PDB file of N, CA and C in Angstrom:
ATOM      1  N   MET A   1      29.716  55.638 136.613  1.00  0.00           N
ATOM      2  CA  MET A   1      30.634  54.858 135.823  1.00  0.00           C
ATOM      3  C   MET A   1      31.399  53.717 135.927  1.00  0.00           C
ATOM      4  N   CYS A   2      31.701  54.097 137.709  1.00  0.00           N
ATOM      5  CA  CYS A   2      32.493  52.689 138.443  1.00  0.00           C
ATOM      6  C   CYS A   2      31.426  51.723 138.816  1.00  0.00           C
ATOM      7  N   ALA A   3      30.228  52.297 139.115  1.00  0.00           N
ATOM      8  CA  ALA A   3      29.219  50.833 139.557  1.00  0.00           C
ATOM      9  C   ALA A   3      28.872  49.948 137.796  1.00  0.00           C
ATOM     10  N   GLU A   4      28.853  50.857 136.899  1.00  0.00           N
ATOM     11  CA  GLU A   4      28.629  50.067 136.009  1.00  0.00           C
ATOM     12  C   GLU A   4      29.699  49.050 135.048  1.00  0.00           C
ATOM     13  N   LEU A   5      31.050  49.350 135.590  1.00  0.00           N
ATOM     14  CA  LEU A   5      32.081  48.606 135.536  1.00  0.00           C
ATOM     15  C   LEU A   5      32.438  47.720 136.491  1.00  0.00           C
ATOM     16  N   HIS A   6      31.825  47.688 137.390  1.00  0.00           N
ATOM     17  CA  HIS A   6      31.971  46.923 138.719  1.00  0.00           C
ATOM     18  C   HIS A   6      33.318  47.095 139.224  1.00  0.00           C
ATOM     19  N   TRP A   7      34.022  48.216 139.302  1.00  0.00           N
ATOM     20  CA  TRP A   7      35.099  48.599 139.916  1.00  0.00           C
ATOM     21  C   TRP A   7      35.126  48.716 141.301  1.00  0.00           C
ATOM     22  N   LEU A   8      36.197  48.703 141.930  1.00  0.00           N
ATOM     23  CA  LEU A   8      36.172  48.716 143.182  1.00  0.00           C
ATOM     24  C   LEU A   8      36.882  49.836 143.653  1.00  0.00           C
ATOM     25  N   ARG A   9      36.623  50.893 145.202  1.00  0.00           N
ATOM     26  CA  ARG A   9      37.604  51.777 145.332  1.00  0.00           C
ATOM     27  C   ARG A   9      38.855  50.993 145.744  1.00  0.00           C
ATOM     28  N   VAL A  10      39.806  52.222 145.806  1.00  0.00           N
ATOM     29  CA  VAL A  10      41.260  51.518 145.951  1.00  0.00           C
ATOM     30  C   VAL A  10      41.370  51.250 147.312  1.00  0.00           C
ATOM     31  N   THR A  11      40.997  51.636 148.083  1.00  0.00           N
ATOM     32  CA  THR A  11      40.831  50.904 149.538  1.00  0.00           C
ATOM     33  C   THR A  11      40.150  49.726 149.499  1.00  0.00           C
ATOM     34  N   ASP A  12      39.610  48.896 148.950  1.00  0.00           N
ATOM     35  CA  ASP A  12      38.926  47.992 148.911  1.00  0.00           C
ATOM     36  C   ASP A  12      39.505  47.058 148.090  1.00  0.00           C
ATOM     37  N   ARG A  13      40.034  47.296 147.177  1.00  0.00           N
ATOM     38  CA  ARG A  13      40.865  46.774 146.057  1.00  0.00           C
ATOM     39  C   ARG A  13      42.092  46.211 146.689  1.00  0.00           C
ATOM     40  N   ILE A  14      42.914  47.295 147.700  1.00  0.00           N
ATOM     41  CA  ILE A  14      43.885  47.125 148.124  1.00  0.00           C
ATOM     42  C   ILE A  14      43.638  45.821 149.318  1.00  0.00           C
ATOM     43  N   ASN A  15      42.637  45.845 149.761  1.00  0.00           N
ATOM     44  CA  ASN A  15      42.683  44.931 150.718  1.00  0.00           C
ATOM     45  C   ASN A  15      41.741  43.435 149.751  1.00  0.00           C
ATOM     46  N   TYR A  16      41.254  43.498 149.048  1.00  0.00           N
ATOM     47  CA  TYR A  16      40.918  42.498 148.799  1.00  0.00           C
ATOM     48  C   TYR A  16      42.218  41.526 147.693  1.00  0.00           C
ATOM     49  N   LYS A  17      43.485  42.527 147.590  1.00  0.00           N
ATOM     50  CA  LYS A  17      44.815  41.745 146.907  1.00  0.00           C
ATOM     51  C   LYS A  17      45.104  41.103 148.266  1.00  0.00           C
ATOM     52  N   LEU A  18      45.089  42.021 149.502  1.00  0.00           N
ATOM     53  CA  LEU A  18      45.820  41.642 150.427  1.00  0.00           C
ATOM     54  C   LEU A  18      45.200  39.948 150.976  1.00  0.00           C
ATOM     55  N   CYS A  19      43.926  40.107 150.899  1.00  0.00           N
ATOM     56  CA  CYS A  19      43.363  38.549 151.192  1.00  0.00           C
ATOM     57  C   CYS A  19      43.436  37.819 150.047  1.00  0.00           C
ATOM     58  N   LEU A  20      43.528  38.120 149.333  1.00  0.00           N
ATOM     59  CA  LEU A  20      43.649  37.103 148.046  1.00  0.00           C
ATOM     60  C   LEU A  20      45.317  36.793 148.532  1.00  0.00           C
ATOM     61  N   LEU A  21      46.268  37.150 148.850  1.00  0.00           N
ATOM     62  CA  LEU A  21      47.304  36.605 149.060  1.00  0.00           C
ATOM     63  C   LEU A  21      47.574  35.929 150.035  1.00  0.00           C
ATOM     64  N   VAL A  22      46.921  36.171 151.116  1.00  0.00           N
ATOM     65  CA  VAL A  22      46.812  35.169 152.267  1.00  0.00           C
ATOM     66  C   VAL A  22      46.350  34.098 152.150  1.00  0.00           C
ATOM     67  N   TYR A  23      44.763  34.336 151.479  1.00  0.00           N
ATOM     68  CA  TYR A  23      44.817  32.957 150.682  1.00  0.00           C
ATOM     69  C   TYR A  23      45.450  32.109 149.957  1.00  0.00           C
ATOM     70  N   LYS A  24      46.499  32.762 149.320  1.00  0.00           N
ATOM     71  CA  LYS A  24      47.676  31.888 148.234  1.00  0.00           C
ATOM     72  C   LYS A  24      48.383  31.120 148.853  1.00  0.00           C
ATOM     73  N   ALA A  25      48.629  31.905 149.985  1.00  0.00           N
ATOM     74  CA  ALA A  25      49.744  32.033 151.146  1.00  0.00           C
ATOM     75  C   ALA A  25      49.260  30.407 152.287  1.00  0.00           C
ATOM     76  N   LEU A  26      48.215  30.567 152.546  1.00  0.00           N
ATOM     77  CA  LEU A  26      47.702  29.529 153.376  1.00  0.00           C
ATOM     78  C   LEU A  26      47.763  28.121 152.387  1.00  0.00           C
ATOM     79  N   HIS A  27      47.230  28.114 150.848  1.00  0.00           N
ATOM     80  CA  HIS A  27      46.966  27.071 150.738  1.00  0.00           C
ATOM     81  C   HIS A  27      48.403  26.780 149.399  1.00  0.00           C
ATOM     82  N   GLY A  28      49.619  26.901 149.762  1.00  0.00           N
ATOM     83  CA  GLY A  28      50.430  27.051 149.415  1.00  0.00           C
ATOM     84  C   GLY A  28      50.599  27.498 147.834  1.00  0.00           C
ATOM     85  N   PHE A  29      49.858  28.506 147.033  1.00  0.00           N
ATOM     86  CA  PHE A  29      50.280  29.088 146.169  1.00  0.00           C
ATOM     87  C   PHE A  29      51.186  30.135 145.792  1.00  0.00           C
ATOM     88  N   ALA A  30      51.664  30.513 146.864  1.00  0.00           N
ATOM     89  CA  ALA A  30      52.416  32.111 147.076  1.00  0.00           C
ATOM     90  C   ALA A  30      53.942  31.280 147.433  1.00  0.00           C
ATOM     91  N   PRO A  31      54.758  32.756 147.168  1.00  0.00           N
ATOM     92  CA  PRO A  31      56.139  32.713 147.954  1.00  0.00           C
ATOM     93  C   PRO A  31      56.352  31.836 149.285  1.00  0.00           C
ATOM     94  N   ASP A  32      57.847  31.308 149.375  1.00  0.00           N
ATOM     95  CA  ASP A  32      57.857  31.035 150.925  1.00  0.00           C
ATOM     96  C   ASP A  32      57.485  32.310 151.677  1.00  0.00           C
ATOM     97  N   TYR A  33      58.478  33.331 151.148  1.00  0.00           N
ATOM     98  CA  TYR A  33      58.606  34.398 152.197  1.00  0.00           C
ATOM     99  C   TYR A  33      57.336  34.635 152.592  1.00  0.00           C
ATOM    100  N   LEU A  34      56.073  35.010 151.512  1.00  0.00           N
ATOM    101  CA  LEU A  34      54.958  35.559 152.272  1.00  0.00           C
ATOM    102  C   LEU A  34      54.587  34.334 152.846  1.00  0.00           C
ATOM    103  N   SER A  35      54.627  33.095 152.651  1.00  0.00           N
ATOM    104  CA  SER A  35      54.035  32.073 153.481  1.00  0.00           C
ATOM    105  C   SER A  35      54.319  32.127 154.796  1.00  0.00           C
ATOM    106  N   GLU A  36      55.519  32.475 155.530  1.00  0.00           N
ATOM    107  CA  GLU A  36      55.960  32.596 156.537  1.00  0.00           C
ATOM    108  C   GLU A  36      55.677  33.701 157.292  1.00  0.00           C
ATOM    109  N   LEU A  37      55.039  34.569 156.802  1.00  0.00           N
ATOM    110  CA  LEU A  37      54.417  35.775 157.844  1.00  0.00           C
ATOM    111  C   LEU A  37      52.975  35.684 157.868  1.00  0.00           C
ATOM    112  N   CYS A  38      52.496  34.548 157.111  1.00  0.00           N
ATOM    113  CA  CYS A  38      51.458  34.216 157.559  1.00  0.00           C
ATOM    114  C   CYS A  38      50.798  33.224 158.102  1.00  0.00           C
ATOM    115  N   ILE A  39      50.736  33.359 159.521  1.00  0.00           N
ATOM    116  CA  ILE A  39      50.956  32.370 160.854  1.00  0.00           C
ATOM    117  C   ILE A  39      49.764  32.370 161.395  1.00  0.00           C
ATOM    118  N   LEU A  40      49.117  31.184 161.587  1.00  0.00           N
ATOM    119  CA  LEU A  40      47.827  30.835 161.831  1.00  0.00           C
ATOM    120  C   LEU A  40      47.889  31.101 163.139  1.00  0.00           C
ATOM    121  N   ALA A  41      46.816  31.162 164.155  1.00  0.00           N
ATOM    122  CA  ALA A  41      46.863  31.255 165.465  1.00  0.00           C
ATOM    123  C   ALA A  41      46.589  29.699 165.963  1.00  0.00           C
ATOM    124  N   SER A  42      46.202  28.805 165.318  1.00  0.00           N
ATOM    125  CA  SER A  42      46.144  27.285 165.649  1.00  0.00           C
ATOM    126  C   SER A  42      47.332  26.587 165.419  1.00  0.00           C
ATOM    127  N   SER A  43      48.278  27.358 164.475  1.00  0.00           N
ATOM    128  CA  SER A  43      49.335  26.802 164.563  1.00  0.00           C
ATOM    129  C   SER A  43      50.496  26.493 165.899  1.00  0.00           C
ATOM    130  N   VAL A  44      50.018  27.480 166.582  1.00  0.00           N
ATOM    131  CA  VAL A  44      51.079  28.022 168.250  1.00  0.00           C
ATOM    132  C   VAL A  44      50.236  27.102 168.716  1.00  0.00           C
ATOM    133  N   ASN A  45      51.343  26.768 169.708  1.00  0.00           N
ATOM    134  CA  ASN A  45      50.879  25.720 170.733  1.00  0.00           C
ATOM    135  C   ASN A  45      49.894  26.319 171.943  1.00  0.00           C
ATOM    136  N   TYR A  46      50.375  27.726 172.048  1.00  0.00           N
ATOM    137  CA  TYR A  46      49.771  28.412 173.586  1.00  0.00           C
ATOM    138  C   TYR A  46      48.551  29.160 172.927  1.00  0.00           C
ATOM    139  N   ARG A  47      48.005  28.909 171.599  1.00  0.00           N
ATOM    140  CA  ARG A  47      47.158  29.910 171.192  1.00  0.00           C
ATOM    141  C   ARG A  47      45.982  29.010 170.915  1.00  0.00           C
ATOM    142  N   SER A  48      46.432  27.714 170.589  1.00  0.00           N
ATOM    143  CA  SER A  48      45.610  26.531 169.941  1.00  0.00           C
ATOM    144  C   SER A  48      44.063  26.492 170.996  1.00  0.00           C
ATOM    145  N   HIS A  49      43.712  26.965 171.979  1.00  0.00           N
ATOM    146  CA  HIS A  49      42.935  26.628 172.428  1.00  0.00           C
ATOM    147  C   HIS A  49      41.725  28.075 172.535  1.00  0.00           C
ATOM    148  N   LEU A  50      42.842  29.014 172.036  1.00  0.00           N
ATOM    149  CA  LEU A  50      41.591  30.142 171.671  1.00  0.00           C
ATOM    150  C   LEU A  50      40.335  29.935 170.790  1.00  0.00           C
ATOM    151  N   ARG A  51      39.601  31.022 170.581  1.00  0.00           N
ATOM    152  CA  ARG A  51      38.442  31.015 169.968  1.00  0.00           C
ATOM    153  C   ARG A  51      38.984  31.558 168.741  1.00  0.00           C
ATOM    154  N   SER A  52      40.051  32.572 168.474  1.00  0.00           N
ATOM    155  CA  SER A  52      40.805  33.054 167.896  1.00  0.00           C
ATOM    156  C   SER A  52      41.649  31.751 166.650  1.00  0.00           C
ATOM    157  N   ALA A  53      41.904  30.916 167.222  1.00  0.00           N
ATOM    158  CA  ALA A  53      42.528  29.367 166.643  1.00  0.00           C
ATOM    159  C   ALA A  53      41.288  28.774 165.438  1.00  0.00           C
ATOM    160  N   HIS A  54      39.844  28.721 165.983  1.00  0.00           N
ATOM    161  CA  HIS A  54      38.819  28.009 165.456  1.00  0.00           C
ATOM    162  C   HIS A  54      38.350  28.812 164.267  1.00  0.00           C
ATOM    163  N   GLN A  55      38.782  30.145 164.232  1.00  0.00           N
ATOM    164  CA  GLN A  55      38.288  30.841 163.425  1.00  0.00           C
ATOM    165  C   GLN A  55      39.063  30.881 162.101  1.00  0.00           C
ATOM    166  N   ALA A  56      40.095  30.615 161.837  1.00  0.00           N
ATOM    167  CA  ALA A  56      41.533  30.716 160.784  1.00  0.00           C
ATOM    168  C   ALA A  56      42.256  32.079 161.066  1.00  0.00           C
ATOM    169  N   ASP A  57      41.998  32.712 162.232  1.00  0.00           N
ATOM    170  CA  ASP A  57      42.632  34.117 162.369  1.00  0.00           C
ATOM    171  C   ASP A  57      43.932  33.708 162.100  1.00  0.00           C
ATOM    172  N   LEU A  58      44.836  34.991 161.963  1.00  0.00           N
ATOM    173  CA  LEU A  58      45.963  34.988 161.702  1.00  0.00           C
ATOM    174  C   LEU A  58      46.817  35.680 162.799  1.00  0.00           C
ATOM    175  N   ILE A  59      48.029  35.424 163.232  1.00  0.00           N
ATOM    176  CA  ILE A  59      48.723  36.219 164.581  1.00  0.00           C
ATOM    177  C   ILE A  59      48.992  37.555 164.084  1.00  0.00           C
ATOM    178  N   VAL A  60      48.781  38.767 164.709  1.00  0.00           N
ATOM    179  CA  VAL A  60      49.132  40.170 164.236  1.00  0.00           C
ATOM    180  C   VAL A  60      50.571  40.586 165.197  1.00  0.00           C
ATOM    181  N   LEU A  61      51.394  40.531 164.132  1.00  0.00           N
ATOM    182  CA  LEU A  61      52.741  41.420 164.892  1.00  0.00           C
ATOM    183  C   LEU A  61      52.726  42.228 165.292  1.00  0.00           C
ATOM    184  N   ARG A  62      53.450  42.451 166.296  1.00  0.00           N
ATOM    185  CA  ARG A  62      53.322  44.111 167.224  1.00  0.00           C
ATOM    186  C   ARG A  62      54.540  44.907 166.040  1.00  0.00           C
ATOM    187  N   ILE A  63      54.195  46.195 166.332  1.00  0.00           N
ATOM    188  CA  ILE A  63      54.795  47.099 165.603  1.00  0.00           C
ATOM    189  C   ILE A  63      55.283  48.204 166.293  1.00  0.00           C
ATOM    190  N   ARG A  64      56.701  48.693 165.593  1.00  0.00           N
ATOM    191  CA  ARG A  64      57.187  50.094 166.635  1.00  0.00           C
ATOM    192  C   ARG A  64      57.089  51.313 165.963  1.00  0.00           C
ATOM    193  N   LEU A  65      56.796  51.116 164.779  1.00  0.00           N
ATOM    194  CA  LEU A  65      56.223  52.588 163.713  1.00  0.00           C
ATOM    195  C   LEU A  65      55.080  52.699 163.765  1.00  0.00           C
ATOM    196  N   VAL A  66      54.639  53.429 164.140  1.00  0.00           N
ATOM    197  CA  VAL A  66      52.891  53.721 163.791  1.00  0.00           C
ATOM    198  C   VAL A  66      52.264  53.947 162.477  1.00  0.00           C
ATOM    199  N   ARG A  67      53.124  54.854 162.002  1.00  0.00           N
ATOM    200  CA  ARG A  67      52.786  55.538 160.522  1.00  0.00           C
ATOM    201  C   ARG A  67      53.118  54.498 159.651  1.00  0.00           C
ATOM    202  N   TYR A  68      54.569  54.040 159.751  1.00  0.00           N
ATOM    203  CA  TYR A  68      54.807  53.253 158.831  1.00  0.00           C
ATOM    204  C   TYR A  68      54.575  51.777 159.146  1.00  0.00           C
ATOM    205  N   GLY A  69      54.318  51.102 160.580  1.00  0.00           N
ATOM    206  CA  GLY A  69      54.494  50.030 160.606  1.00  0.00           C
ATOM    207  C   GLY A  69      53.275  49.174 159.964  1.00  0.00           C
ATOM    208  N   GLN A  70      51.964  50.088 160.507  1.00  0.00           N
ATOM    209  CA  GLN A  70      50.909  49.747 159.838  1.00  0.00           C
ATOM    210  C   GLN A  70      50.691  49.336 158.438  1.00  0.00           C
ATOM    211  N   ARG A  71      51.395  49.810 157.636  1.00  0.00           N
ATOM    212  CA  ARG A  71      51.316  49.765 156.007  1.00  0.00           C
ATOM    213  C   ARG A  71      52.110  48.406 155.631  1.00  0.00           C
ATOM    214  N   ALA A  72      52.938  47.904 156.738  1.00  0.00           N
ATOM    215  CA  ALA A  72      53.725  46.508 156.278  1.00  0.00           C
ATOM    216  C   ALA A  72      52.996  45.480 156.254  1.00  0.00           C
ATOM    217  N   PHE A  73      53.122  44.257 155.443  1.00  0.00           N
ATOM    218  CA  PHE A  73      52.574  43.558 154.793  1.00  0.00           C
ATOM    219  C   PHE A  73      52.469  42.495 156.007  1.00  0.00           C
ATOM    220  N   ALA A  74      53.104  42.285 156.876  1.00  0.00           N
ATOM    221  CA  ALA A  74      53.381  41.734 158.087  1.00  0.00           C
ATOM    222  C   ALA A  74      52.222  41.720 159.123  1.00  0.00           C
ATOM    223  N   TYR A  75      52.019  42.938 159.334  1.00  0.00           N
ATOM    224  CA  TYR A  75      50.743  43.541 159.997  1.00  0.00           C
ATOM    225  C   TYR A  75      49.506  43.849 159.350  1.00  0.00           C
ATOM    226  N   ALA A  76      49.064  44.520 158.327  1.00  0.00           N
ATOM    227  CA  ALA A  76      48.032  44.894 157.670  1.00  0.00           C
ATOM    228  C   ALA A  76      47.748  43.444 157.181  1.00  0.00           C
ATOM    229  N   THR A  77      48.065  42.498 156.824  1.00  0.00           N
ATOM    230  CA  THR A  77      47.709  41.657 156.099  1.00  0.00           C
ATOM    231  C   THR A  77      46.655  40.816 156.975  1.00  0.00           C
ATOM    232  N   PRO A  78      47.697  40.577 158.197  1.00  0.00           N
ATOM    233  CA  PRO A  78      46.381  40.018 159.088  1.00  0.00           C
ATOM    234  C   PRO A  78      45.409  40.804 159.971  1.00  0.00           C
ATOM    235  N   CYS A  79      45.408  42.204 160.007  1.00  0.00           N
ATOM    236  CA  CYS A  79      44.328  42.563 160.246  1.00  0.00           C
ATOM    237  C   CYS A  79      42.957  42.790 159.432  1.00  0.00           C
ATOM    238  N   VAL A  80      43.600  42.642 158.053  1.00  0.00           N
ATOM    239  CA  VAL A  80      42.638  42.509 156.889  1.00  0.00           C
ATOM    240  C   VAL A  80      41.934  41.162 157.009  1.00  0.00           C
ATOM    241  N   TRP A  81      42.604  40.311 156.969  1.00  0.00           N
ATOM    242  CA  TRP A  81      42.299  38.789 157.268  1.00  0.00           C
ATOM    243  C   TRP A  81      41.156  38.582 158.566  1.00  0.00           C
ATOM    244  N   ASN A  82      41.574  39.138 159.678  1.00  0.00           N
ATOM    245  CA  ASN A  82      40.720  38.819 160.583  1.00  0.00           C
ATOM    246  C   ASN A  82      39.633  39.423 160.808  1.00  0.00           C
ATOM    247  N   SER A  83      39.307  40.823 159.627  1.00  0.00           N
ATOM    248  CA  SER A  83      37.960  41.617 159.643  1.00  0.00           C
ATOM    249  C   SER A  83      36.789  40.919 159.054  1.00  0.00           C
ATOM    250  N   LEU A  84      37.716  39.556 158.267  1.00  0.00           N
ATOM    251  CA  LEU A  84      36.524  39.125 157.380  1.00  0.00           C
ATOM    252  C   LEU A  84      35.802  38.045 158.186  1.00  0.00           C
ATOM    253  N   PRO A  85      34.338  38.092 157.773  1.00  0.00           N
ATOM    254  CA  PRO A  85      33.465  37.021 158.163  1.00  0.00           C
ATOM    255  C   PRO A  85      34.243  35.579 158.310  1.00  0.00           C
ATOM    256  N   THR A  86      34.216  34.388 159.085  1.00  0.00           N
ATOM    257  CA  THR A  86      34.536  33.541 159.349  1.00  0.00           C
ATOM    258  C   THR A  86      33.985  32.438 158.181  1.00  0.00           C
ATOM    259  N   ASP A  87      32.950  32.411 157.777  1.00  0.00           N
ATOM    260  CA  ASP A  87      32.487  31.647 156.649  1.00  0.00           C
ATOM    261  C   ASP A  87      33.205  31.883 155.227  1.00  0.00           C
ATOM    262  N   LEU A  88      33.903  33.408 154.904  1.00  0.00           N
ATOM    263  CA  LEU A  88      34.340  33.671 153.878  1.00  0.00           C
ATOM    264  C   LEU A  88      35.831  33.331 153.729  1.00  0.00           C
ATOM    265  N   LYS A  89      36.435  32.863 155.218  1.00  0.00           N
ATOM    266  CA  LYS A  89      37.863  32.644 155.053  1.00  0.00           C
ATOM    267  C   LYS A  89      38.168  31.045 154.905  1.00  0.00           C
ATOM    268  N   ASP A  90      36.658  30.159 154.930  1.00  0.00           N
ATOM    269  CA  ASP A  90      36.862  28.802 154.716  1.00  0.00           C
ATOM    270  C   ASP A  90      36.591  28.910 153.164  1.00  0.00           C
TER     271      ASP A  90
END
């Protein structure tokens, strides 16, 4: 039934929504508090020469709590965004 309706699995839908929020944040369509959490590697001076800066990757912040920290927007969003192929990020 899911294949007929073109529904995504729950984890895939969550990842889709996270990537959609990042896209909106990078292009100015998201609120400022979300845009501040999406930091491109190319915008940081000491990371501008890295390969990740040329691939439109986001900076993944460090976390202290493994169980709950990985679910935070500031950590989960860059991880999902960076796992996308480069041509899809453009």
